[in-house]
Amino acid sequence: MNHEGRGLRKVIIWLFGAVIIAILALQNQHPVSLHIFFWQLPHISLALVVLVSLLLGASIGSGGMLWDRFKSRNRSKHLASSSSDDVVSSVLPRTEDVPQDHPTSSTDNAKKLNS
């Protein structure tokens, strides 16, 4: 499916969601009393309570997803950098691991250069 079709599908889904929320708000107009910890909000619309709860839940969920995505990107960057270091260190021997009589030892190379 092309890019325009996906964009149209998203718009239709958003419009459908907005219509459902509007119907919910219109059907729940009666006032309620809301108690939040030490506060009391008398005569507030039930639709307002539901919509604010919906928006708060969506924002907390989106924030959690963004935080998780941020952490996984940092983790993958860290793993990529550490794995490239591991590859280099596994291919090239460390100088202290090379025996002195080995042809690639630094003392043999220095002797060859001085000769």
PDB file of N, CA and C in Angstrom:
ATOM      1  N   MET A   1       0.851  -1.180   0.000  1.00  0.00           N
ATOM      2  CA  MET A   1       0.000   0.000   0.000  1.00  0.00           C
ATOM      3  C   MET A   1       0.891   1.236   0.000  1.00  0.00           C
ATOM      4  N   ASN A   2       0.507   2.232  -0.762  1.00  0.00           N
ATOM      5  CA  ASN A   2       1.326   3.435  -0.871  1.00  0.00           C
ATOM      6  C   ASN A   2       1.177   4.330   0.359  1.00  0.00           C
ATOM      7  N   HIS A   3       2.001   5.341   0.417  1.00  0.00           N
ATOM      8  CA  HIS A   3       2.051   6.240   1.572  1.00  0.00           C
ATOM      9  C   HIS A   3       0.741   7.007   1.752  1.00  0.00           C
ATOM     10  N   GLU A   4       0.105   7.423   0.656  1.00  0.00           N
ATOM     11  CA  GLU A   4      -1.147   8.192   0.746  1.00  0.00           C
ATOM     12  C   GLU A   4      -2.264   7.342   1.332  1.00  0.00           C
ATOM     13  N   GLY A   5      -2.308   6.066   0.998  1.00  0.00           N
ATOM     14  CA  GLY A   5      -3.335   5.163   1.525  1.00  0.00           C
ATOM     15  C   GLY A   5      -3.206   4.974   3.029  1.00  0.00           C
ATOM     16  N   ARG A   6      -1.969   4.872   3.500  1.00  0.00           N
ATOM     17  CA  ARG A   6      -1.758   4.729   4.943  1.00  0.00           C
ATOM     18  C   ARG A   6      -2.149   5.998   5.677  1.00  0.00           C
ATOM     19  N   GLY A   7      -1.845   7.152   5.088  1.00  0.00           N
ATOM     20  CA  GLY A   7      -2.209   8.429   5.712  1.00  0.00           C
ATOM     21  C   GLY A   7      -3.713   8.595   5.779  1.00  0.00           C
ATOM     22  N   LEU A   8      -4.402   8.191   4.722  1.00  0.00           N
ATOM     23  CA  LEU A   8      -5.859   8.268   4.706  1.00  0.00           C
ATOM     24  C   LEU A   8      -6.458   7.333   5.748  1.00  0.00           C
ATOM     25  N   ARG A   9      -5.874   6.158   5.892  1.00  0.00           N
ATOM     26  CA  ARG A   9      -6.359   5.204   6.892  1.00  0.00           C
ATOM     27  C   ARG A   9      -6.203   5.780   8.305  1.00  0.00           C
ATOM     28  N   LYS A  10      -5.091   6.438   8.569  1.00  0.00           N
ATOM     29  CA  LYS A  10      -4.877   7.042   9.885  1.00  0.00           C
ATOM     30  C   LYS A  10      -5.897   8.146  10.155  1.00  0.00           C
ATOM     31  N   VAL A  11      -6.186   8.961   9.141  1.00  0.00           N
ATOM     32  CA  VAL A  11      -7.166  10.037   9.303  1.00  0.00           C
ATOM     33  C   VAL A  11      -8.544   9.452   9.596  1.00  0.00           C
ATOM     34  N   ILE A  12      -8.910   8.402   8.900  1.00  0.00           N
ATOM     35  CA  ILE A  12     -10.216   7.767   9.130  1.00  0.00           C
ATOM     36  C   ILE A  12     -10.291   7.199  10.539  1.00  0.00           C
ATOM     37  N   ILE A  13      -9.234   6.563  10.996  1.00  0.00           N
ATOM     38  CA  ILE A  13      -9.227   6.000  12.364  1.00  0.00           C
ATOM     39  C   ILE A  13      -9.335   7.111  13.396  1.00  0.00           C
ATOM     40  N   TRP A  14      -8.602   8.215  13.210  1.00  0.00           N
ATOM     41  CA  TRP A  14      -8.678   9.344  14.146  1.00  0.00           C
ATOM     42  C   TRP A  14     -10.077   9.961  14.149  1.00  0.00           C
ATOM     43  N   LEU A  15     -10.673  10.102  12.981  1.00  0.00           N
ATOM     44  CA  LEU A  15     -12.031  10.657  12.919  1.00  0.00           C
ATOM     45  C   LEU A  15     -13.034   9.733  13.601  1.00  0.00           C
ATOM     46  N   PHE A  16     -12.889   8.442  13.395  1.00  0.00           N
ATOM     47  CA  PHE A  16     -13.772   7.478  14.055  1.00  0.00           C
ATOM     48  C   PHE A  16     -13.630   7.582  15.571  1.00  0.00           C
ATOM     49  N   GLY A  17     -12.404   7.687  16.062  1.00  0.00           N
ATOM     50  CA  GLY A  17     -12.175   7.835  17.495  1.00  0.00           C
ATOM     51  C   GLY A  17     -12.769   9.124  18.037  1.00  0.00           C
ATOM     52  N   ALA A  18     -12.637  10.211  17.267  1.00  0.00           N
ATOM     53  CA  ALA A  18     -13.199  11.492  17.698  1.00  0.00           C
ATOM     54  C   ALA A  18     -14.724  11.432  17.759  1.00  0.00           C
ATOM     55  N   VAL A  19     -15.352  10.753  16.805  1.00  0.00           N
ATOM     56  CA  VAL A  19     -16.813  10.603  16.820  1.00  0.00           C
ATOM     57  C   VAL A  19     -17.252   9.782  18.024  1.00  0.00           C
ATOM     58  N   ILE A  20     -16.547   8.716  18.334  1.00  0.00           N
ATOM     59  CA  ILE A  20     -16.880   7.889  19.508  1.00  0.00           C
ATOM     60  C   ILE A  20     -16.755   8.719  20.783  1.00  0.00           C
ATOM     61  N   ILE A  21     -15.704   9.509  20.910  1.00  0.00           N
ATOM     62  CA  ILE A  21     -15.512  10.346  22.101  1.00  0.00           C
ATOM     63  C   ILE A  21     -16.601  11.408  22.193  1.00  0.00           C
ATOM     64  N   ALA A  22     -16.984  11.996  21.064  1.00  0.00           N
ATOM     65  CA  ALA A  22     -18.049  13.005  21.063  1.00  0.00           C
ATOM     66  C   ALA A  22     -19.373  12.383  21.490  1.00  0.00           C
ATOM     67  N   ILE A  23     -19.677  11.193  21.005  1.00  0.00           N
ATOM     68  CA  ILE A  23     -20.917  10.502  21.420  1.00  0.00           C
ATOM     69  C   ILE A  23     -20.881  10.207  22.904  1.00  0.00           C
ATOM     70  N   LEU A  24     -19.749   9.749  23.399  1.00  0.00           N
ATOM     71  CA  LEU A  24     -19.600   9.469  24.825  1.00  0.00           C
ATOM     72  C   LEU A  24     -19.823  10.733  25.651  1.00  0.00           C
ATOM     73  N   ALA A  25     -19.261  11.853  25.196  1.00  0.00           N
ATOM     74  CA  ALA A  25     -19.414  13.106  25.929  1.00  0.00           C
ATOM     75  C   ALA A  25     -20.864  13.593  25.908  1.00  0.00           C
ATOM     76  N   LEU A  26     -21.540  13.441  24.784  1.00  0.00           N
ATOM     77  CA  LEU A  26     -22.931  13.896  24.689  1.00  0.00           C
ATOM     78  C   LEU A  26     -23.877  13.039  25.516  1.00  0.00           C
ATOM     79  N   GLN A  27     -23.584  11.770  25.667  1.00  0.00           N
ATOM     80  CA  GLN A  27     -24.472  10.885  26.427  1.00  0.00           C
ATOM     81  C   GLN A  27     -24.224  10.943  27.929  1.00  0.00           C
ATOM     82  N   ASN A  28     -23.158  11.541  28.374  1.00  0.00           N
ATOM     83  CA  ASN A  28     -22.829  11.582  29.803  1.00  0.00           C
ATOM     84  C   ASN A  28     -22.693  13.021  30.280  1.00  0.00           C
ATOM     85  N   GLN A  29     -23.756  13.776  30.166  1.00  0.00           N
ATOM     86  CA  GLN A  29     -23.754  15.190  30.543  1.00  0.00           C
ATOM     87  C   GLN A  29     -24.092  15.433  32.010  1.00  0.00           C
ATOM     88  N   HIS A  30     -24.628  14.452  32.709  1.00  0.00           N
ATOM     89  CA  HIS A  30     -25.095  14.716  34.066  1.00  0.00           C
ATOM     90  C   HIS A  30     -23.928  15.014  35.016  1.00  0.00           C
ATOM     91  N   PRO A  31     -24.175  15.890  35.989  1.00  0.00           N
ATOM     92  CA  PRO A  31     -23.100  16.307  36.909  1.00  0.00           C
ATOM     93  C   PRO A  31     -22.807  15.236  37.960  1.00  0.00           C
ATOM     94  N   VAL A  32     -21.543  15.165  38.328  1.00  0.00           N
ATOM     95  CA  VAL A  32     -21.109  14.240  39.383  1.00  0.00           C
ATOM     96  C   VAL A  32     -20.217  15.010  40.355  1.00  0.00           C
ATOM     97  N   SER A  33     -20.024  14.434  41.522  1.00  0.00           N
ATOM     98  CA  SER A  33     -19.118  14.997  42.512  1.00  0.00           C
ATOM     99  C   SER A  33     -17.850  14.160  42.499  1.00  0.00           C
ATOM    100  N   LEU A  34     -16.723  14.824  42.400  1.00  0.00           N
ATOM    101  CA  LEU A  34     -15.445  14.118  42.277  1.00  0.00           C
ATOM    102  C   LEU A  34     -14.591  14.422  43.496  1.00  0.00           C
ATOM    103  N   HIS A  35     -14.071  13.376  44.118  1.00  0.00           N
ATOM    104  CA  HIS A  35     -13.186  13.500  45.279  1.00  0.00           C
ATOM    105  C   HIS A  35     -11.794  13.033  44.863  1.00  0.00           C
ATOM    106  N   ILE A  36     -10.814  13.958  44.953  1.00  0.00           N
ATOM    107  CA  ILE A  36      -9.428  13.637  44.617  1.00  0.00           C
ATOM    108  C   ILE A  36      -8.589  13.954  45.844  1.00  0.00           C
ATOM    109  N   PHE A  37      -8.126  12.929  46.517  1.00  0.00           N
ATOM    110  CA  PHE A  37      -7.362  13.041  47.751  1.00  0.00           C
ATOM    111  C   PHE A  37      -8.082  13.966  48.737  1.00  0.00           C
ATOM    112  N   PHE A  38      -7.608  15.195  48.890  1.00  0.00           N
ATOM    113  CA  PHE A  38      -8.215  16.101  49.863  1.00  0.00           C
ATOM    114  C   PHE A  38      -9.131  17.129  49.213  1.00  0.00           C
ATOM    115  N   TRP A  39      -9.265  17.095  47.902  1.00  0.00           N
ATOM    116  CA  TRP A  39     -10.097  18.059  47.199  1.00  0.00           C
ATOM    117  C   TRP A  39     -11.422  17.431  46.814  1.00  0.00           C
ATOM    118  N   GLN A  40     -12.405  18.294  46.705  1.00  0.00           N
ATOM    119  CA  GLN A  40     -13.711  17.847  46.241  1.00  0.00           C
ATOM    120  C   GLN A  40     -14.189  18.807  45.147  1.00  0.00           C
ATOM    121  N   LEU A  41     -14.572  18.247  44.016  1.00  0.00           N
ATOM    122  CA  LEU A  41     -15.091  19.035  42.900  1.00  0.00           C
ATOM    123  C   LEU A  41     -16.572  18.697  42.737  1.00  0.00           C
ATOM    124  N   PRO A  42     -17.457  19.517  43.261  1.00  0.00           N
ATOM    125  CA  PRO A  42     -18.881  19.213  43.118  1.00  0.00           C
ATOM    126  C   PRO A  42     -19.410  19.694  41.761  1.00  0.00           C
ATOM    127  N   HIS A  43     -20.356  18.990  41.250  1.00  0.00           N
ATOM    128  CA  HIS A  43     -21.082  19.360  40.029  1.00  0.00           C
ATOM    129  C   HIS A  43     -20.181  19.532  38.811  1.00  0.00           C
ATOM    130  N   ILE A  44     -19.398  18.535  38.543  1.00  0.00           N
ATOM    131  CA  ILE A  44     -18.573  18.532  37.341  1.00  0.00           C
ATOM    132  C   ILE A  44     -19.162  17.500  36.381  1.00  0.00           C
ATOM    133  N   SER A  45     -19.099  17.770  35.112  1.00  0.00           N
ATOM    134  CA  SER A  45     -19.691  16.888  34.107  1.00  0.00           C
ATOM    135  C   SER A  45     -18.940  15.549  34.059  1.00  0.00           C
ATOM    136  N   LEU A  46     -19.707  14.469  33.991  1.00  0.00           N
ATOM    137  CA  LEU A  46     -19.105  13.144  33.897  1.00  0.00           C
ATOM    138  C   LEU A  46     -18.299  13.012  32.600  1.00  0.00           C
ATOM    139  N   ALA A  47     -18.764  13.628  31.540  1.00  0.00           N
ATOM    140  CA  ALA A  47     -18.037  13.580  30.271  1.00  0.00           C
ATOM    141  C   ALA A  47     -16.662  14.233  30.415  1.00  0.00           C
ATOM    142  N   LEU A  48     -16.586  15.317  31.158  1.00  0.00           N
ATOM    143  CA  LEU A  48     -15.310  15.986  31.379  1.00  0.00           C
ATOM    144  C   LEU A  48     -14.357  15.093  32.166  1.00  0.00           C
ATOM    145  N   VAL A  49     -14.886  14.412  33.172  1.00  0.00           N
ATOM    146  CA  VAL A  49     -14.069  13.498  33.969  1.00  0.00           C
ATOM    147  C   VAL A  49     -13.531  12.375  33.097  1.00  0.00           C
ATOM    148  N   VAL A  50     -14.398  11.818  32.253  1.00  0.00           N
ATOM    149  CA  VAL A  50     -13.980  10.716  31.383  1.00  0.00           C
ATOM    150  C   VAL A  50     -12.949  11.197  30.362  1.00  0.00           C
ATOM    151  N   LEU A  51     -13.166  12.351  29.762  1.00  0.00           N
ATOM    152  CA  LEU A  51     -12.232  12.861  28.760  1.00  0.00           C
ATOM    153  C   LEU A  51     -10.875  13.210  29.366  1.00  0.00           C
ATOM    154  N   VAL A  52     -10.892  13.834  30.544  1.00  0.00           N
ATOM    155  CA  VAL A  52      -9.617  14.159  31.196  1.00  0.00           C
ATOM    156  C   VAL A  52      -8.884  12.873  31.573  1.00  0.00           C
ATOM    157  N   SER A  53      -9.613  11.871  32.045  1.00  0.00           N
ATOM    158  CA  SER A  53      -8.991  10.586  32.375  1.00  0.00           C
ATOM    159  C   SER A  53      -8.404   9.924  31.134  1.00  0.00           C
ATOM    160  N   LEU A  54      -9.127  10.000  30.034  1.00  0.00           N
ATOM    161  CA  LEU A  54      -8.643   9.434  28.776  1.00  0.00           C
ATOM    162  C   LEU A  54      -7.365  10.129  28.319  1.00  0.00           C
ATOM    163  N   LEU A  55      -7.356  11.448  28.344  1.00  0.00           N
ATOM    164  CA  LEU A  55      -6.173  12.194  27.920  1.00  0.00           C
ATOM    165  C   LEU A  55      -4.981  11.963  28.853  1.00  0.00           C
ATOM    166  N   LEU A  56      -5.246  11.890  30.152  1.00  0.00           N
ATOM    167  CA  LEU A  56      -4.170  11.644  31.108  1.00  0.00           C
ATOM    168  C   LEU A  56      -3.571  10.252  30.902  1.00  0.00           C
ATOM    169  N   GLY A  57      -4.423   9.267  30.715  1.00  0.00           N
ATOM    170  CA  GLY A  57      -3.930   7.910  30.475  1.00  0.00           C
ATOM    171  C   GLY A  57      -3.155   7.803  29.169  1.00  0.00           C
ATOM    172  N   ALA A  58      -3.645   8.463  28.124  1.00  0.00           N
ATOM    173  CA  ALA A  58      -2.948   8.431  26.839  1.00  0.00           C
ATOM    174  C   ALA A  58      -1.588   9.128  26.932  1.00  0.00           C
ATOM    175  N   SER A  59      -1.527  10.236  27.658  1.00  0.00           N
ATOM    176  CA  SER A  59      -0.248  10.942  27.777  1.00  0.00           C
ATOM    177  C   SER A  59       0.748  10.148  28.628  1.00  0.00           C
ATOM    178  N   ILE A  60       0.288   9.503  29.673  1.00  0.00           N
ATOM    179  CA  ILE A  60       1.188   8.676  30.487  1.00  0.00           C
ATOM    180  C   ILE A  60       1.674   7.485  29.679  1.00  0.00           C
ATOM    181  N   GLY A  61       0.775   6.842  28.933  1.00  0.00           N
ATOM    182  CA  GLY A  61       1.170   5.713  28.096  1.00  0.00           C
ATOM    183  C   GLY A  61       2.141   6.115  27.007  1.00  0.00           C
ATOM    184  N   SER A  62       1.884   7.247  26.361  1.00  0.00           N
ATOM    185  CA  SER A  62       2.792   7.731  25.307  1.00  0.00           C
ATOM    186  C   SER A  62       4.148   8.100  25.884  1.00  0.00           C
ATOM    187  N   GLY A  63       4.134   8.732  27.044  1.00  0.00           N
ATOM    188  CA  GLY A  63       5.404   9.076  27.695  1.00  0.00           C
ATOM    189  C   GLY A  63       6.207   7.837  28.045  1.00  0.00           C
ATOM    190  N   GLY A  64       5.533   6.809  28.524  1.00  0.00           N
ATOM    191  CA  GLY A  64       6.225   5.557  28.832  1.00  0.00           C
ATOM    192  C   GLY A  64       6.805   4.901  27.596  1.00  0.00           C
ATOM    193  N   MET A  65       6.048   4.932  26.500  1.00  0.00           N
ATOM    194  CA  MET A  65       6.545   4.358  25.253  1.00  0.00           C
ATOM    195  C   MET A  65       7.743   5.140  24.718  1.00  0.00           C
ATOM    196  N   LEU A  66       7.679   6.467  24.793  1.00  0.00           N
ATOM    197  CA  LEU A  66       8.802   7.285  24.330  1.00  0.00           C
ATOM    198  C   LEU A  66      10.031   7.055  25.193  1.00  0.00           C
ATOM    199  N   TRP A  67       9.826   6.934  26.500  1.00  0.00           N
ATOM    200  CA  TRP A  67      10.941   6.669  27.411  1.00  0.00           C
ATOM    201  C   TRP A  67      11.581   5.323  27.095  1.00  0.00           C
ATOM    202  N   ASP A  68      10.760   4.311  26.844  1.00  0.00           N
ATOM    203  CA  ASP A  68      11.272   2.987  26.512  1.00  0.00           C
ATOM    204  C   ASP A  68      12.037   3.015  25.193  1.00  0.00           C
ATOM    205  N   ARG A  69      11.518   3.731  24.204  1.00  0.00           N
ATOM    206  CA  ARG A  69      12.195   3.853  22.916  1.00  0.00           C
ATOM    207  C   ARG A  69      13.537   4.564  23.084  1.00  0.00           C
ATOM    208  N   PHE A  70      13.556   5.624  23.902  1.00  0.00           N
ATOM    209  CA  PHE A  70      14.797   6.357  24.167  1.00  0.00           C
ATOM    210  C   PHE A  70      15.826   5.447  24.823  1.00  0.00           C
ATOM    211  N   LYS A  71      15.403   4.683  25.822  1.00  0.00           N
ATOM    212  CA  LYS A  71      16.318   3.790  26.526  1.00  0.00           C
ATOM    213  C   LYS A  71      16.824   2.679  25.605  1.00  0.00           C
ATOM    214  N   SER A  72      15.961   2.131  24.747  1.00  0.00           N
ATOM    215  CA  SER A  72      16.400   1.055  23.862  1.00  0.00           C
ATOM    216  C   SER A  72      17.356   1.579  22.802  1.00  0.00           C
ATOM    217  N   ARG A  73      17.166   2.811  22.327  1.00  0.00           N
ATOM    218  CA  ARG A  73      18.116   3.397  21.370  1.00  0.00           C
ATOM    219  C   ARG A  73      19.477   3.577  22.017  1.00  0.00           C
ATOM    220  N   ASN A  74      19.489   4.093  23.232  1.00  0.00           N
ATOM    221  CA  ASN A  74      20.768   4.267  23.933  1.00  0.00           C
ATOM    222  C   ASN A  74      21.430   2.924  24.193  1.00  0.00           C
ATOM    223  N   ARG A  75      20.636   1.918  24.537  1.00  0.00           N
ATOM    224  CA  ARG A  75      21.171   0.594  24.808  1.00  0.00           C
ATOM    225  C   ARG A  75      21.761  -0.007  23.529  1.00  0.00           C
ATOM    226  N   SER A  76      21.059   0.171  22.387  1.00  0.00           N
ATOM    227  CA  SER A  76      21.571  -0.385  21.134  1.00  0.00           C
ATOM    228  C   SER A  76      22.824   0.354  20.682  1.00  0.00           C
ATOM    229  N   LYS A  77      22.879   1.676  20.901  1.00  0.00           N
ATOM    230  CA  LYS A  77      24.101   2.419  20.560  1.00  0.00           C
ATOM    231  C   LYS A  77      25.267   1.945  21.418  1.00  0.00           C
ATOM    232  N   HIS A  78      24.992   1.724  22.698  1.00  0.00           N
ATOM    233  CA  HIS A  78      26.041   1.265  23.603  1.00  0.00           C
ATOM    234  C   HIS A  78      26.516  -0.130  23.202  1.00  0.00           C
ATOM    235  N   LEU A  79      25.571  -1.013  22.860  1.00  0.00           N
ATOM    236  CA  LEU A  79      25.943  -2.363  22.447  1.00  0.00           C
ATOM    237  C   LEU A  79      26.711  -2.345  21.138  1.00  0.00           C
ATOM    238  N   ALA A  80      26.330  -1.471  20.212  1.00  0.00           N
ATOM    239  CA  ALA A  80      27.028  -1.390  18.930  1.00  0.00           C
ATOM    240  C   ALA A  80      28.459  -0.912  19.133  1.00  0.00           C
ATOM    241  N   SER A  81      28.653   0.079  19.980  1.00  0.00           N
ATOM    242  CA  SER A  81      30.007   0.575  20.207  1.00  0.00           C
ATOM    243  C   SER A  81      30.851  -0.445  20.958  1.00  0.00           C
ATOM    244  N   SER A  82      30.274  -1.129  21.932  1.00  0.00           N
ATOM    245  CA  SER A  82      31.057  -2.115  22.684  1.00  0.00           C
ATOM    246  C   SER A  82      31.320  -3.356  21.852  1.00  0.00           C
ATOM    247  N   SER A  83      30.398  -3.732  20.961  1.00  0.00           N
ATOM    248  CA  SER A  83      30.632  -4.916  20.137  1.00  0.00           C
ATOM    249  C   SER A  83      31.693  -4.637  19.086  1.00  0.00           C
ATOM    250  N   SER A  84      31.778  -3.416  18.564  1.00  0.00           N
ATOM    251  CA  SER A  84      32.839  -3.104  17.604  1.00  0.00           C
ATOM    252  C   SER A  84      34.193  -3.111  18.300  1.00  0.00           C
ATOM    253  N   ASP A  85      34.253  -2.681  19.550  1.00  0.00           N
ATOM    254  CA  ASP A  85      35.503  -2.755  20.310  1.00  0.00           C
ATOM    255  C   ASP A  85      35.880  -4.207  20.563  1.00  0.00           C
ATOM    256  N   ASP A  86      34.891  -5.059  20.844  1.00  0.00           N
ATOM    257  CA  ASP A  86      35.145  -6.473  21.078  1.00  0.00           C
ATOM    258  C   ASP A  86      35.678  -7.144  19.819  1.00  0.00           C
ATOM    259  N   VAL A  87      35.155  -6.757  18.652  1.00  0.00           N
ATOM    260  CA  VAL A  87      35.612  -7.354  17.402  1.00  0.00           C
ATOM    261  C   VAL A  87      37.067  -7.003  17.162  1.00  0.00           C
ATOM    262  N   VAL A  88      37.426  -5.741  17.353  1.00  0.00           N
ATOM    263  CA  VAL A  88      38.808  -5.320  17.145  1.00  0.00           C
ATOM    264  C   VAL A  88      39.719  -6.021  18.129  1.00  0.00           C
ATOM    265  N   SER A  89      39.315  -6.110  19.386  1.00  0.00           N
ATOM    266  CA  SER A  89      40.179  -6.738  20.380  1.00  0.00           C
ATOM    267  C   SER A  89      40.260  -8.242  20.187  1.00  0.00           C
ATOM    268  N   SER A  90      39.256  -8.863  19.579  1.00  0.00           N
ATOM    269  CA  SER A  90      39.333 -10.296  19.361  1.00  0.00           C
ATOM    270  C   SER A  90      40.163 -10.638  18.125  1.00  0.00           C
ATOM    271  N   VAL A  91      40.285  -9.701  17.184  1.00  0.00           N
ATOM    272  CA  VAL A  91      41.060  -9.951  15.968  1.00  0.00           C
ATOM    273  C   VAL A  91      42.525  -9.629  16.190  1.00  0.00           C
ATOM    274  N   LEU A  92      42.806  -8.511  16.808  1.00  0.00           N
ATOM    275  CA  LEU A  92      44.185  -8.094  17.025  1.00  0.00           C
ATOM    276  C   LEU A  92      44.650  -8.532  18.409  1.00  0.00           C
ATOM    277  N   PRO A  93      45.789  -9.220  18.485  1.00  0.00           N
ATOM    278  CA  PRO A  93      46.267  -9.634  19.814  1.00  0.00           C
ATOM    279  C   PRO A  93      46.827  -8.436  20.570  1.00  0.00           C
ATOM    280  N   ARG A  94      46.679  -8.472  21.867  1.00  0.00           N
ATOM    281  CA  ARG A  94      47.267  -7.426  22.693  1.00  0.00           C
ATOM    282  C   ARG A  94      48.774  -7.636  22.739  1.00  0.00           C
ATOM    283  N   THR A  95      49.518  -6.574  22.925  1.00  0.00           N
ATOM    284  CA  THR A  95      50.985  -6.672  22.888  1.00  0.00           C
ATOM    285  C   THR A  95      51.525  -7.527  24.018  1.00  0.00           C
ATOM    286  N   GLU A  96      50.857  -7.550  25.160  1.00  0.00           N
ATOM    287  CA  GLU A  96      51.350  -8.374  26.266  1.00  0.00           C
ATOM    288  C   GLU A  96      51.054  -9.853  26.046  1.00  0.00           C
ATOM    289  N   ASP A  97      50.152 -10.180  25.085  1.00  0.00           N
ATOM    290  CA  ASP A  97      49.839 -11.570  24.797  1.00  0.00           C
ATOM    291  C   ASP A  97      50.790 -12.178  23.766  1.00  0.00           C
ATOM    292  N   VAL A  98      51.555 -11.344  23.064  1.00  0.00           N
ATOM    293  CA  VAL A  98      52.451 -11.834  22.016  1.00  0.00           C
ATOM    294  C   VAL A  98      53.765 -12.254  22.666  1.00  0.00           C
ATOM    295  N   PRO A  99      54.216 -13.477  22.431  1.00  0.00           N
ATOM    296  CA  PRO A  99      55.499 -13.899  23.023  1.00  0.00           C
ATOM    297  C   PRO A  99      56.648 -13.110  22.420  1.00  0.00           C
ATOM    298  N   GLN A 100      57.744 -12.982  23.165  1.00  0.00           N
ATOM    299  CA  GLN A 100      58.878 -12.179  22.735  1.00  0.00           C
ATOM    300  C   GLN A 100      59.567 -12.755  21.495  1.00  0.00           C
ATOM    301  N   ASP A 101      59.532 -14.085  21.331  1.00  0.00           N
ATOM    302  CA  ASP A 101      60.200 -14.678  20.175  1.00  0.00           C
ATOM    303  C   ASP A 101      59.279 -14.781  18.962  1.00  0.00           C
ATOM    304  N   HIS A 102      58.058 -14.253  19.072  1.00  0.00           N
ATOM    305  CA  HIS A 102      57.109 -14.283  17.958  1.00  0.00           C
ATOM    306  C   HIS A 102      57.512 -13.238  16.922  1.00  0.00           C
ATOM    307  N   PRO A 103      57.336 -13.544  15.615  1.00  0.00           N
ATOM    308  CA  PRO A 103      57.785 -12.602  14.585  1.00  0.00           C
ATOM    309  C   PRO A 103      57.085 -11.249  14.630  1.00  0.00           C
ATOM    310  N   THR A 104      55.922 -11.169  15.250  1.00  0.00           N
ATOM    311  CA  THR A 104      55.214  -9.889  15.283  1.00  0.00           C
ATOM    312  C   THR A 104      55.466  -9.123  16.560  1.00  0.00           C
ATOM    313  N   SER A 105      56.350  -9.610  17.413  1.00  0.00           N
ATOM    314  CA  SER A 105      56.592  -8.882  18.650  1.00  0.00           C
ATOM    315  C   SER A 105      57.297  -7.570  18.349  1.00  0.00           C
ATOM    316  N   SER A 106      57.084  -6.601  19.185  1.00  0.00           N
ATOM    317  CA  SER A 106      57.628  -5.263  18.933  1.00  0.00           C
ATOM    318  C   SER A 106      59.148  -5.230  19.028  1.00  0.00           C
ATOM    319  N   THR A 107      59.750  -6.073  19.867  1.00  0.00           N
ATOM    320  CA  THR A 107      61.207  -6.075  19.971  1.00  0.00           C
ATOM    321  C   THR A 107      61.845  -6.630  18.710  1.00  0.00           C
ATOM    322  N   ASP A 108      61.238  -7.650  18.102  1.00  0.00           N
ATOM    323  CA  ASP A 108      61.772  -8.197  16.853  1.00  0.00           C
ATOM    324  C   ASP A 108      61.663  -7.177  15.729  1.00  0.00           C
ATOM    325  N   ASN A 109      60.554  -6.459  15.689  1.00  0.00           N
ATOM    326  CA  ASN A 109      60.373  -5.437  14.662  1.00  0.00           C
ATOM    327  C   ASN A 109      61.403  -4.335  14.832  1.00  0.00           C
ATOM    328  N   ALA A 110      61.677  -3.962  16.067  1.00  0.00           N
ATOM    329  CA  ALA A 110      62.674  -2.909  16.315  1.00  0.00           C
ATOM    330  C   ALA A 110      64.058  -3.372  15.899  1.00  0.00           C
ATOM    331  N   LYS A 111      64.400  -4.650  16.141  1.00  0.00           N
ATOM    332  CA  LYS A 111      65.700  -5.197  15.758  1.00  0.00           C
ATOM    333  C   LYS A 111      65.840  -5.200  14.245  1.00  0.00           C
ATOM    334  N   LYS A 112      64.730  -5.553  13.545  1.00  0.00           N
ATOM    335  CA  LYS A 112      64.775  -5.591  12.083  1.00  0.00           C
ATOM    336  C   LYS A 112      64.965  -4.203  11.510  1.00  0.00           C
ATOM    337  N   LEU A 113      64.339  -3.223  12.114  1.00  0.00           N
ATOM    338  CA  LEU A 113      64.464  -1.864  11.619  1.00  0.00           C
ATOM    339  C   LEU A 113      65.859  -1.300  11.849  1.00  0.00           C
ATOM    340  N   ASN A 114      66.485  -1.678  12.971  1.00  0.00           N
ATOM    341  CA  ASN A 114      67.813  -1.161  13.289  1.00  0.00           C
ATOM    342  C   ASN A 114      68.901  -1.832  12.459  1.00  0.00           C
ATOM    343  N   SER A 115      68.639  -2.998  11.883  1.00  0.00           N
ATOM    344  CA  SER A 115      69.663  -3.741  11.139  1.00  0.00           C
ATOM    345  C   SER A 115      69.902  -3.169   9.773  1.00  0.00           C
TER     346      SER A 115
END
